[in-house]
Amino acid sequence: MLLGRVIGTVVPAVLVDELSATPLLWVQPLDKTGKPEGDPLVCADGTRMAGPGQIIYWVASREAALALDPWFVPVDDAIVGLVDEVRHYSKKELDG
């Protein structure tokens, strides 16, 4: 799973029936420190709850197609969860 931030919405002119109730959102991938990494992409929102500025986690490829209901729809990326908090631990904290 990967982290991202919702930066916008996409309103398609034509959409396959299986995705008619699934929001499409622009997502900016984030690195492990929460900074933008790579190009924005469109994700199908499997949670149907993500909004502007929300940090989400998403999956790609076959996992994305299987993450939605109905499953195995034609998508490359899908939001599968909302993130409340991200914590980074120092090496000292991890080593005990």
PDB file of N, CA and C in Angstrom:
ATOM      1  N   MET A   1       0.833  -1.172   0.000  1.00  0.00           N
ATOM      2  CA  MET A   1       0.000   0.000   0.000  1.00  0.00           C
ATOM      3  C   MET A   1       0.880   1.238   0.000  1.00  0.00           C
ATOM      4  N   LEU A   2       0.347   2.286  -0.590  1.00  0.00           N
ATOM      5  CA  LEU A   2       1.091   3.525  -0.754  1.00  0.00           C
ATOM      6  C   LEU A   2       0.302   4.686  -0.169  1.00  0.00           C
ATOM      7  N   LEU A   3       1.016   5.731   0.257  1.00  0.00           N
ATOM      8  CA  LEU A   3       0.344   6.909   0.800  1.00  0.00           C
ATOM      9  C   LEU A   3       0.179   7.970  -0.269  1.00  0.00           C
ATOM     10  N   GLY A   4      -0.901   8.749  -0.150  1.00  0.00           N
ATOM     11  CA  GLY A   4      -1.138   9.854  -1.067  1.00  0.00           C
ATOM     12  C   GLY A   4      -2.036  10.883  -0.415  1.00  0.00           C
ATOM     13  N   ARG A   5      -2.178  12.040  -1.092  1.00  0.00           N
ATOM     14  CA  ARG A   5      -3.072  13.098  -0.621  1.00  0.00           C
ATOM     15  C   ARG A   5      -4.024  13.450  -1.758  1.00  0.00           C
ATOM     16  N   VAL A   6      -5.314  13.550  -1.442  1.00  0.00           N
ATOM     17  CA  VAL A   6      -6.314  13.921  -2.442  1.00  0.00           C
ATOM     18  C   VAL A   6      -6.121  15.398  -2.787  1.00  0.00           C
ATOM     19  N   ILE A   7      -5.935  15.677  -4.089  1.00  0.00           N
ATOM     20  CA  ILE A   7      -5.711  17.056  -4.525  1.00  0.00           C
ATOM     21  C   ILE A   7      -6.795  17.546  -5.483  1.00  0.00           C
ATOM     22  N   GLY A   8      -7.759  16.704  -5.803  1.00  0.00           N
ATOM     23  CA  GLY A   8      -8.823  17.138  -6.698  1.00  0.00           C
ATOM     24  C   GLY A   8      -9.754  16.003  -7.062  1.00  0.00           C
ATOM     25  N   THR A   9     -10.748  16.333  -7.876  1.00  0.00           N
ATOM     26  CA  THR A   9     -11.714  15.342  -8.340  1.00  0.00           C
ATOM     27  C   THR A   9     -11.678  15.267  -9.857  1.00  0.00           C
ATOM     28  N   VAL A  10     -12.173  14.166 -10.385  1.00  0.00           N
ATOM     29  CA  VAL A  10     -12.272  13.963 -11.823  1.00  0.00           C
ATOM     30  C   VAL A  10     -13.725  13.630 -12.132  1.00  0.00           C
ATOM     31  N   VAL A  11     -14.298  14.332 -13.105  1.00  0.00           N
ATOM     32  CA  VAL A  11     -15.676  14.063 -13.525  1.00  0.00           C
ATOM     33  C   VAL A  11     -15.621  13.576 -14.970  1.00  0.00           C
ATOM     34  N   PRO A  12     -15.777  12.271 -15.179  1.00  0.00           N
ATOM     35  CA  PRO A  12     -15.672  11.725 -16.533  1.00  0.00           C
ATOM     36  C   PRO A  12     -16.940  11.987 -17.349  1.00  0.00           C
ATOM     37  N   ALA A  13     -16.778  12.126 -18.664  1.00  0.00           N
ATOM     38  CA  ALA A  13     -17.922  12.288 -19.557  1.00  0.00           C
ATOM     39  C   ALA A  13     -18.586  10.943 -19.829  1.00  0.00           C
ATOM     40  N   VAL A  14     -17.784   9.898 -19.904  1.00  0.00           N
ATOM     41  CA  VAL A  14     -18.284   8.547 -20.148  1.00  0.00           C
ATOM     42  C   VAL A  14     -17.591   7.621 -19.163  1.00  0.00           C
ATOM     43  N   LEU A  15     -18.343   6.674 -18.606  1.00  0.00           N
ATOM     44  CA  LEU A  15     -17.797   5.782 -17.586  1.00  0.00           C
ATOM     45  C   LEU A  15     -18.442   4.412 -17.714  1.00  0.00           C
ATOM     46  N   VAL A  16     -17.669   3.352 -17.489  1.00  0.00           N
ATOM     47  CA  VAL A  16     -18.250   2.011 -17.517  1.00  0.00           C
ATOM     48  C   VAL A  16     -19.258   1.875 -16.380  1.00  0.00           C
ATOM     49  N   ASP A  17     -20.284   1.070 -16.583  1.00  0.00           N
ATOM     50  CA  ASP A  17     -21.363   0.925 -15.599  1.00  0.00           C
ATOM     51  C   ASP A  17     -20.864   0.535 -14.216  1.00  0.00           C
ATOM     52  N   GLU A  18     -19.853  -0.340 -14.153  1.00  0.00           N
ATOM     53  CA  GLU A  18     -19.360  -0.826 -12.864  1.00  0.00           C
ATOM     54  C   GLU A  18     -18.748   0.279 -12.005  1.00  0.00           C
ATOM     55  N   LEU A  19     -18.363   1.388 -12.609  1.00  0.00           N
ATOM     56  CA  LEU A  19     -17.745   2.485 -11.861  1.00  0.00           C
ATOM     57  C   LEU A  19     -18.686   3.674 -11.673  1.00  0.00           C
ATOM     58  N   SER A  20     -19.944   3.524 -12.050  1.00  0.00           N
ATOM     59  CA  SER A  20     -20.867   4.666 -12.034  1.00  0.00           C
ATOM     60  C   SER A  20     -21.071   5.265 -10.641  1.00  0.00           C
ATOM     61  N   ALA A  21     -20.927   4.487  -9.586  1.00  0.00           N
ATOM     62  CA  ALA A  21     -21.128   4.996  -8.222  1.00  0.00           C
ATOM     63  C   ALA A  21     -19.807   5.233  -7.483  1.00  0.00           C
ATOM     64  N   THR A  22     -18.687   5.136  -8.192  1.00  0.00           N
ATOM     65  CA  THR A  22     -17.374   5.265  -7.561  1.00  0.00           C
ATOM     66  C   THR A  22     -16.734   6.605  -7.913  1.00  0.00           C
ATOM     67  N   PRO A  23     -16.462   7.459  -6.915  1.00  0.00           N
ATOM     68  CA  PRO A  23     -15.798   8.734  -7.202  1.00  0.00           C
ATOM     69  C   PRO A  23     -14.381   8.511  -7.739  1.00  0.00           C
ATOM     70  N   LEU A  24     -13.963   9.371  -8.646  1.00  0.00           N
ATOM     71  CA  LEU A  24     -12.595   9.361  -9.157  1.00  0.00           C
ATOM     72  C   LEU A  24     -11.893  10.602  -8.626  1.00  0.00           C
ATOM     73  N   LEU A  25     -10.728  10.402  -7.997  1.00  0.00           N
ATOM     74  CA  LEU A  25     -10.031  11.499  -7.334  1.00  0.00           C
ATOM     75  C   LEU A  25      -8.597  11.627  -7.833  1.00  0.00           C
ATOM     76  N   TRP A  26      -8.121  12.889  -7.955  1.00  0.00           N
ATOM     77  CA  TRP A  26      -6.715  13.148  -8.234  1.00  0.00           C
ATOM     78  C   TRP A  26      -5.955  12.928  -6.939  1.00  0.00           C
ATOM     79  N   VAL A  27      -4.884  12.165  -6.996  1.00  0.00           N
ATOM     80  CA  VAL A  27      -4.087  11.858  -5.806  1.00  0.00           C
ATOM     81  C   VAL A  27      -2.616  12.160  -6.087  1.00  0.00           C
ATOM     82  N   GLN A  28      -1.999  12.865  -5.152  1.00  0.00           N
ATOM     83  CA  GLN A  28      -0.557  13.116  -5.210  1.00  0.00           C
ATOM     84  C   GLN A  28       0.134  12.081  -4.336  1.00  0.00           C
ATOM     85  N   PRO A  29       0.925  11.159  -4.919  1.00  0.00           N
ATOM     86  CA  PRO A  29       1.661  10.200  -4.098  1.00  0.00           C
ATOM     87  C   PRO A  29       2.603  10.922  -3.131  1.00  0.00           C
ATOM     88  N   LEU A  30       2.798  10.328  -1.949  1.00  0.00           N
ATOM     89  CA  LEU A  30       3.665  10.898  -0.920  1.00  0.00           C
ATOM     90  C   LEU A  30       4.788   9.927  -0.581  1.00  0.00           C
ATOM     91  N   ASP A  31       5.940  10.483  -0.194  1.00  0.00           N
ATOM     92  CA  ASP A  31       7.028   9.626   0.277  1.00  0.00           C
ATOM     93  C   ASP A  31       6.825   9.328   1.763  1.00  0.00           C
ATOM     94  N   LYS A  32       7.788   8.643   2.371  1.00  0.00           N
ATOM     95  CA  LYS A  32       7.612   8.226   3.767  1.00  0.00           C
ATOM     96  C   LYS A  32       7.607   9.387   4.754  1.00  0.00           C
ATOM     97  N   THR A  33       8.030  10.574   4.299  1.00  0.00           N
ATOM     98  CA  THR A  33       7.997  11.746   5.178  1.00  0.00           C
ATOM     99  C   THR A  33       6.786  12.633   4.913  1.00  0.00           C
ATOM    100  N   GLY A  34       5.936  12.227   3.974  1.00  0.00           N
ATOM    101  CA  GLY A  34       4.737  13.002   3.668  1.00  0.00           C
ATOM    102  C   GLY A  34       4.927  14.053   2.600  1.00  0.00           C
ATOM    103  N   LYS A  35       6.083  14.057   1.946  1.00  0.00           N
ATOM    104  CA  LYS A  35       6.342  15.024   0.878  1.00  0.00           C
ATOM    105  C   LYS A  35       5.901  14.445  -0.468  1.00  0.00           C
ATOM    106  N   PRO A  36       5.441  15.310  -1.396  1.00  0.00           N
ATOM    107  CA  PRO A  36       5.033  14.833  -2.722  1.00  0.00           C
ATOM    108  C   PRO A  36       6.155  14.058  -3.407  1.00  0.00           C
ATOM    109  N   GLU A  37       5.757  12.975  -4.073  1.00  0.00           N
ATOM    110  CA  GLU A  37       6.728  12.125  -4.766  1.00  0.00           C
ATOM    111  C   GLU A  37       6.091  11.623  -6.061  1.00  0.00           C
ATOM    112  N   GLY A  38       6.670  11.977  -7.189  1.00  0.00           N
ATOM    113  CA  GLY A  38       6.149  11.512  -8.464  1.00  0.00           C
ATOM    114  C   GLY A  38       4.980  12.351  -8.959  1.00  0.00           C
ATOM    115  N   ASP A  39       4.379  11.877 -10.041  1.00  0.00           N
ATOM    116  CA  ASP A  39       3.279  12.592 -10.682  1.00  0.00           C
ATOM    117  C   ASP A  39       1.938  12.222 -10.062  1.00  0.00           C
ATOM    118  N   PRO A  40       1.000  13.180 -10.026  1.00  0.00           N
ATOM    119  CA  PRO A  40      -0.357  12.868  -9.557  1.00  0.00           C
ATOM    120  C   PRO A  40      -1.008  11.824 -10.466  1.00  0.00           C
ATOM    121  N   LEU A  41      -1.964  11.096  -9.911  1.00  0.00           N
ATOM    122  CA  LEU A  41      -2.674  10.065 -10.659  1.00  0.00           C
ATOM    123  C   LEU A  41      -4.141  10.058 -10.264  1.00  0.00           C
ATOM    124  N   VAL A  42      -4.942   9.359 -11.045  1.00  0.00           N
ATOM    125  CA  VAL A  42      -6.369   9.244 -10.756  1.00  0.00           C
ATOM    126  C   VAL A  42      -6.618   7.916 -10.053  1.00  0.00           C
ATOM    127  N   CYS A  43      -7.304   7.974  -8.910  1.00  0.00           N
ATOM    128  CA  CYS A  43      -7.664   6.772  -8.156  1.00  0.00           C
ATOM    129  C   CYS A  43      -9.181   6.662  -8.060  1.00  0.00           C
ATOM    130  N   ALA A  44      -9.688   5.458  -8.202  1.00  0.00           N
ATOM    131  CA  ALA A  44     -11.089   5.193  -7.892  1.00  0.00           C
ATOM    132  C   ALA A  44     -11.191   5.106  -6.372  1.00  0.00           C
ATOM    133  N   ASP A  45     -12.147   5.825  -5.789  1.00  0.00           N
ATOM    134  CA  ASP A  45     -12.262   5.874  -4.324  1.00  0.00           C
ATOM    135  C   ASP A  45     -13.129   4.738  -3.806  1.00  0.00           C
ATOM    136  N   GLY A  46     -12.480   3.647  -3.422  1.00  0.00           N
ATOM    137  CA  GLY A  46     -13.192   2.496  -2.883  1.00  0.00           C
ATOM    138  C   GLY A  46     -13.855   2.765  -1.549  1.00  0.00           C
ATOM    139  N   THR A  47     -13.395   3.778  -0.819  1.00  0.00           N
ATOM    140  CA  THR A  47     -14.011   4.113   0.471  1.00  0.00           C
ATOM    141  C   THR A  47     -15.250   4.975   0.287  1.00  0.00           C
ATOM    142  N   ARG A  48     -15.302   5.688  -0.835  1.00  0.00           N
ATOM    143  CA  ARG A  48     -16.375   6.652  -1.127  1.00  0.00           C
ATOM    144  C   ARG A  48     -16.475   7.731  -0.042  1.00  0.00           C
ATOM    145  N   MET A  49     -15.358   7.997   0.657  1.00  0.00           N
ATOM    146  CA  MET A  49     -15.360   8.975   1.752  1.00  0.00           C
ATOM    147  C   MET A  49     -14.192   9.950   1.693  1.00  0.00           C
ATOM    148  N   ALA A  50     -13.219   9.753   0.816  1.00  0.00           N
ATOM    149  CA  ALA A  50     -12.045  10.622   0.783  1.00  0.00           C
ATOM    150  C   ALA A  50     -12.421  11.997   0.240  1.00  0.00           C
ATOM    151  N   GLY A  51     -11.809  13.024   0.826  1.00  0.00           N
ATOM    152  CA  GLY A  51     -12.098  14.385   0.397  1.00  0.00           C
ATOM    153  C   GLY A  51     -10.835  15.190   0.190  1.00  0.00           C
ATOM    154  N   PRO A  52     -10.976  16.451  -0.227  1.00  0.00           N
ATOM    155  CA  PRO A  52      -9.829  17.307  -0.502  1.00  0.00           C
ATOM    156  C   PRO A  52      -8.875  17.406   0.685  1.00  0.00           C
ATOM    157  N   GLY A  53      -7.582  17.213   0.417  1.00  0.00           N
ATOM    158  CA  GLY A  53      -6.563  17.305   1.452  1.00  0.00           C
ATOM    159  C   GLY A  53      -6.395  16.051   2.292  1.00  0.00           C
ATOM    160  N   GLN A  54      -7.288  15.101   2.174  1.00  0.00           N
ATOM    161  CA  GLN A  54      -7.252  13.866   2.970  1.00  0.00           C
ATOM    162  C   GLN A  54      -6.033  13.033   2.603  1.00  0.00           C
ATOM    163  N   ILE A  55      -5.328  12.521   3.607  1.00  0.00           N
ATOM    164  CA  ILE A  55      -4.262  11.550   3.363  1.00  0.00           C
ATOM    165  C   ILE A  55      -4.927  10.183   3.278  1.00  0.00           C
ATOM    166  N   ILE A  56      -4.584   9.452   2.239  1.00  0.00           N
ATOM    167  CA  ILE A  56      -5.213   8.150   1.981  1.00  0.00           C
ATOM    168  C   ILE A  56      -4.120   7.105   1.752  1.00  0.00           C
ATOM    169  N   TYR A  57      -4.528   5.831   1.752  1.00  0.00           N
ATOM    170  CA  TYR A  57      -3.614   4.823   1.241  1.00  0.00           C
ATOM    171  C   TYR A  57      -4.294   4.132   0.081  1.00  0.00           C
ATOM    172  N   TRP A  58      -3.485   3.766  -0.908  1.00  0.00           N
ATOM    173  CA  TRP A  58      -4.009   3.257  -2.165  1.00  0.00           C
ATOM    174  C   TRP A  58      -3.180   2.081  -2.659  1.00  0.00           C
ATOM    175  N   VAL A  59      -3.787   1.323  -3.539  1.00  0.00           N
ATOM    176  CA  VAL A  59      -3.125   0.173  -4.143  1.00  0.00           C
ATOM    177  C   VAL A  59      -3.184   0.323  -5.657  1.00  0.00           C
ATOM    178  N   ALA A  60      -2.329  -0.415  -6.347  1.00  0.00           N
ATOM    179  CA  ALA A  60      -2.244  -0.315  -7.801  1.00  0.00           C
ATOM    180  C   ALA A  60      -2.380  -1.693  -8.448  1.00  0.00           C
ATOM    181  N   SER A  61      -2.562  -1.674  -9.749  1.00  0.00           N
ATOM    182  CA  SER A  61      -2.592  -2.871 -10.585  1.00  0.00           C
ATOM    183  C   SER A  61      -3.763  -3.786 -10.247  1.00  0.00           C
ATOM    184  N   ARG A  62      -3.508  -5.077 -10.212  1.00  0.00           N
ATOM    185  CA  ARG A  62      -4.573  -6.053  -9.968  1.00  0.00           C
ATOM    186  C   ARG A  62      -5.251  -5.822  -8.619  1.00  0.00           C
ATOM    187  N   GLU A  63      -4.470  -5.441  -7.616  1.00  0.00           N
ATOM    188  CA  GLU A  63      -5.043  -5.188  -6.295  1.00  0.00           C
ATOM    189  C   GLU A  63      -6.089  -4.078  -6.364  1.00  0.00           C
ATOM    190  N   ALA A  64      -5.854  -3.071  -7.196  1.00  0.00           N
ATOM    191  CA  ALA A  64      -6.821  -1.979  -7.350  1.00  0.00           C
ATOM    192  C   ALA A  64      -8.115  -2.487  -7.977  1.00  0.00           C
ATOM    193  N   ALA A  65      -7.996  -3.317  -8.984  1.00  0.00           N
ATOM    194  CA  ALA A  65      -9.181  -3.854  -9.653  1.00  0.00           C
ATOM    195  C   ALA A  65     -10.004  -4.739  -8.721  1.00  0.00           C
ATOM    196  N   LEU A  66      -9.343  -5.376  -7.770  1.00  0.00           N
ATOM    197  CA  LEU A  66     -10.042  -6.263  -6.837  1.00  0.00           C
ATOM    198  C   LEU A  66     -10.539  -5.541  -5.590  1.00  0.00           C
ATOM    199  N   ALA A  67     -10.106  -4.296  -5.381  1.00  0.00           N
ATOM    200  CA  ALA A  67     -10.439  -3.573  -4.150  1.00  0.00           C
ATOM    201  C   ALA A  67     -11.817  -2.925  -4.180  1.00  0.00           C
ATOM    202  N   LEU A  68     -12.431  -2.867  -5.334  1.00  0.00           N
ATOM    203  CA  LEU A  68     -13.707  -2.171  -5.471  1.00  0.00           C
ATOM    204  C   LEU A  68     -14.875  -3.143  -5.498  1.00  0.00           C
ATOM    205  N   ASP A  69     -16.062  -2.597  -5.298  1.00  0.00           N
ATOM    206  CA  ASP A  69     -17.290  -3.399  -5.367  1.00  0.00           C
ATOM    207  C   ASP A  69     -18.180  -2.798  -6.439  1.00  0.00           C
ATOM    208  N   PRO A  70     -18.444  -3.471  -7.539  1.00  0.00           N
ATOM    209  CA  PRO A  70     -18.068  -4.856  -7.824  1.00  0.00           C
ATOM    210  C   PRO A  70     -16.567  -4.974  -8.082  1.00  0.00           C
ATOM    211  N   TRP A  71     -16.024  -6.158  -7.837  1.00  0.00           N
ATOM    212  CA  TRP A  71     -14.592  -6.340  -7.960  1.00  0.00           C
ATOM    213  C   TRP A  71     -14.201  -6.636  -9.405  1.00  0.00           C
ATOM    214  N   PHE A  72     -12.941  -6.500  -9.654  1.00  0.00           N
ATOM    215  CA  PHE A  72     -12.288  -6.679 -10.955  1.00  0.00           C
ATOM    216  C   PHE A  72     -12.853  -5.748 -12.020  1.00  0.00           C
ATOM    217  N   VAL A  73     -12.850  -4.461 -11.685  1.00  0.00           N
ATOM    218  CA  VAL A  73     -13.275  -3.423 -12.621  1.00  0.00           C
ATOM    219  C   VAL A  73     -12.040  -2.821 -13.295  1.00  0.00           C
ATOM    220  N   PRO A  74     -12.203  -2.106 -14.407  1.00  0.00           N
ATOM    221  CA  PRO A  74     -11.053  -1.587 -15.152  1.00  0.00           C
ATOM    222  C   PRO A  74     -10.441  -0.324 -14.547  1.00  0.00           C
ATOM    223  N   VAL A  75      -9.655  -0.487 -13.484  1.00  0.00           N
ATOM    224  CA  VAL A  75      -8.935   0.630 -12.870  1.00  0.00           C
ATOM    225  C   VAL A  75      -7.479   0.235 -12.649  1.00  0.00           C
ATOM    226  N   ASP A  76      -6.617   1.238 -12.606  1.00  0.00           N
ATOM    227  CA  ASP A  76      -5.199   0.999 -12.320  1.00  0.00           C
ATOM    228  C   ASP A  76      -4.853   1.285 -10.869  1.00  0.00           C
ATOM    229  N   ASP A  77      -5.586   2.229 -10.240  1.00  0.00           N
ATOM    230  CA  ASP A  77      -5.281   2.646  -8.872  1.00  0.00           C
ATOM    231  C   ASP A  77      -6.579   2.833  -8.098  1.00  0.00           C
ATOM    232  N   ALA A  78      -6.594   2.407  -6.828  1.00  0.00           N
ATOM    233  CA  ALA A  78      -7.802   2.527  -6.010  1.00  0.00           C
ATOM    234  C   ALA A  78      -7.449   2.911  -4.578  1.00  0.00           C
ATOM    235  N   ILE A  79      -8.235   3.837  -4.037  1.00  0.00           N
ATOM    236  CA  ILE A  79      -8.107   4.221  -2.631  1.00  0.00           C
ATOM    237  C   ILE A  79      -8.774   3.140  -1.794  1.00  0.00           C
ATOM    238  N   VAL A  80      -8.048   2.627  -0.797  1.00  0.00           N
ATOM    239  CA  VAL A  80      -8.598   1.560   0.037  1.00  0.00           C
ATOM    240  C   VAL A  80      -8.711   1.950   1.505  1.00  0.00           C
ATOM    241  N   GLY A  81      -8.228   3.137   1.876  1.00  0.00           N
ATOM    242  CA  GLY A  81      -8.343   3.545   3.274  1.00  0.00           C
ATOM    243  C   GLY A  81      -8.012   5.005   3.481  1.00  0.00           C
ATOM    244  N   LEU A  82      -8.493   5.530   4.604  1.00  0.00           N
ATOM    245  CA  LEU A  82      -8.223   6.901   5.022  1.00  0.00           C
ATOM    246  C   LEU A  82      -7.229   6.871   6.174  1.00  0.00           C
ATOM    247  N   VAL A  83      -6.305   7.817   6.199  1.00  0.00           N
ATOM    248  CA  VAL A  83      -5.255   7.850   7.218  1.00  0.00           C
ATOM    249  C   VAL A  83      -5.574   8.935   8.235  1.00  0.00           C
ATOM    250  N   ASP A  84      -5.618   8.566   9.516  1.00  0.00           N
ATOM    251  CA  ASP A  84      -5.832   9.539  10.586  1.00  0.00           C
ATOM    252  C   ASP A  84      -4.527  10.158  11.054  1.00  0.00           C
ATOM    253  N   GLU A  85      -3.470   9.348  11.088  1.00  0.00           N
ATOM    254  CA  GLU A  85      -2.204   9.826  11.640  1.00  0.00           C
ATOM    255  C   GLU A  85      -1.053   9.006  11.079  1.00  0.00           C
ATOM    256  N   VAL A  86       0.077   9.670  10.877  1.00  0.00           N
ATOM    257  CA  VAL A  86       1.307   8.990  10.468  1.00  0.00           C
ATOM    258  C   VAL A  86       2.377   9.349  11.485  1.00  0.00           C
ATOM    259  N   ARG A  87       3.030   8.343  12.067  1.00  0.00           N
ATOM    260  CA  ARG A  87       4.114   8.571  13.031  1.00  0.00           C
ATOM    261  C   ARG A  87       5.402   7.994  12.479  1.00  0.00           C
ATOM    262  N   HIS A  88       6.464   8.738  12.684  1.00  0.00           N
ATOM    263  CA  HIS A  88       7.794   8.266  12.305  1.00  0.00           C
ATOM    264  C   HIS A  88       8.593   8.073  13.582  1.00  0.00           C
ATOM    265  N   TYR A  89       9.182   6.902  13.742  1.00  0.00           N
ATOM    266  CA  TYR A  89       9.978   6.605  14.924  1.00  0.00           C
ATOM    267  C   TYR A  89      11.460   6.726  14.595  1.00  0.00           C
ATOM    268  N   SER A  90      12.228   7.228  15.547  1.00  0.00           N
ATOM    269  CA  SER A  90      13.676   7.326  15.363  1.00  0.00           C
ATOM    270  C   SER A  90      14.291   5.935  15.497  1.00  0.00           C
ATOM    271  N   LYS A  91      15.515   5.806  15.021  1.00  0.00           N
ATOM    272  CA  LYS A  91      16.222   4.529  15.146  1.00  0.00           C
ATOM    273  C   LYS A  91      16.340   4.139  16.613  1.00  0.00           C
ATOM    274  N   LYS A  92      16.581   5.117  17.474  1.00  0.00           N
ATOM    275  CA  LYS A  92      16.704   4.854  18.908  1.00  0.00           C
ATOM    276  C   LYS A  92      15.405   4.270  19.465  1.00  0.00           C
ATOM    277  N   GLU A  93      14.266   4.827  19.063  1.00  0.00           N
ATOM    278  CA  GLU A  93      12.977   4.320  19.542  1.00  0.00           C
ATOM    279  C   GLU A  93      12.719   2.902  19.043  1.00  0.00           C
ATOM    280  N   LEU A  94      13.130   2.623  17.821  1.00  0.00           N
ATOM    281  CA  LEU A  94      12.907   1.298  17.254  1.00  0.00           C
ATOM    282  C   LEU A  94      13.815   0.244  17.873  1.00  0.00           C
ATOM    283  N   ASP A  95      15.036   0.643  18.224  1.00  0.00           N
ATOM    284  CA  ASP A  95      15.993  -0.303  18.798  1.00  0.00           C
ATOM    285  C   ASP A  95      15.751  -0.545  20.285  1.00  0.00           C
ATOM    286  N   GLY A  96      14.926   0.297  20.901  1.00  0.00           N
ATOM    287  CA  GLY A  96      14.585   0.110  22.311  1.00  0.00           C
ATOM    288  C   GLY A  96      15.587   0.700  23.182  1.00  0.00           C
TER     289      GLY A  96
END
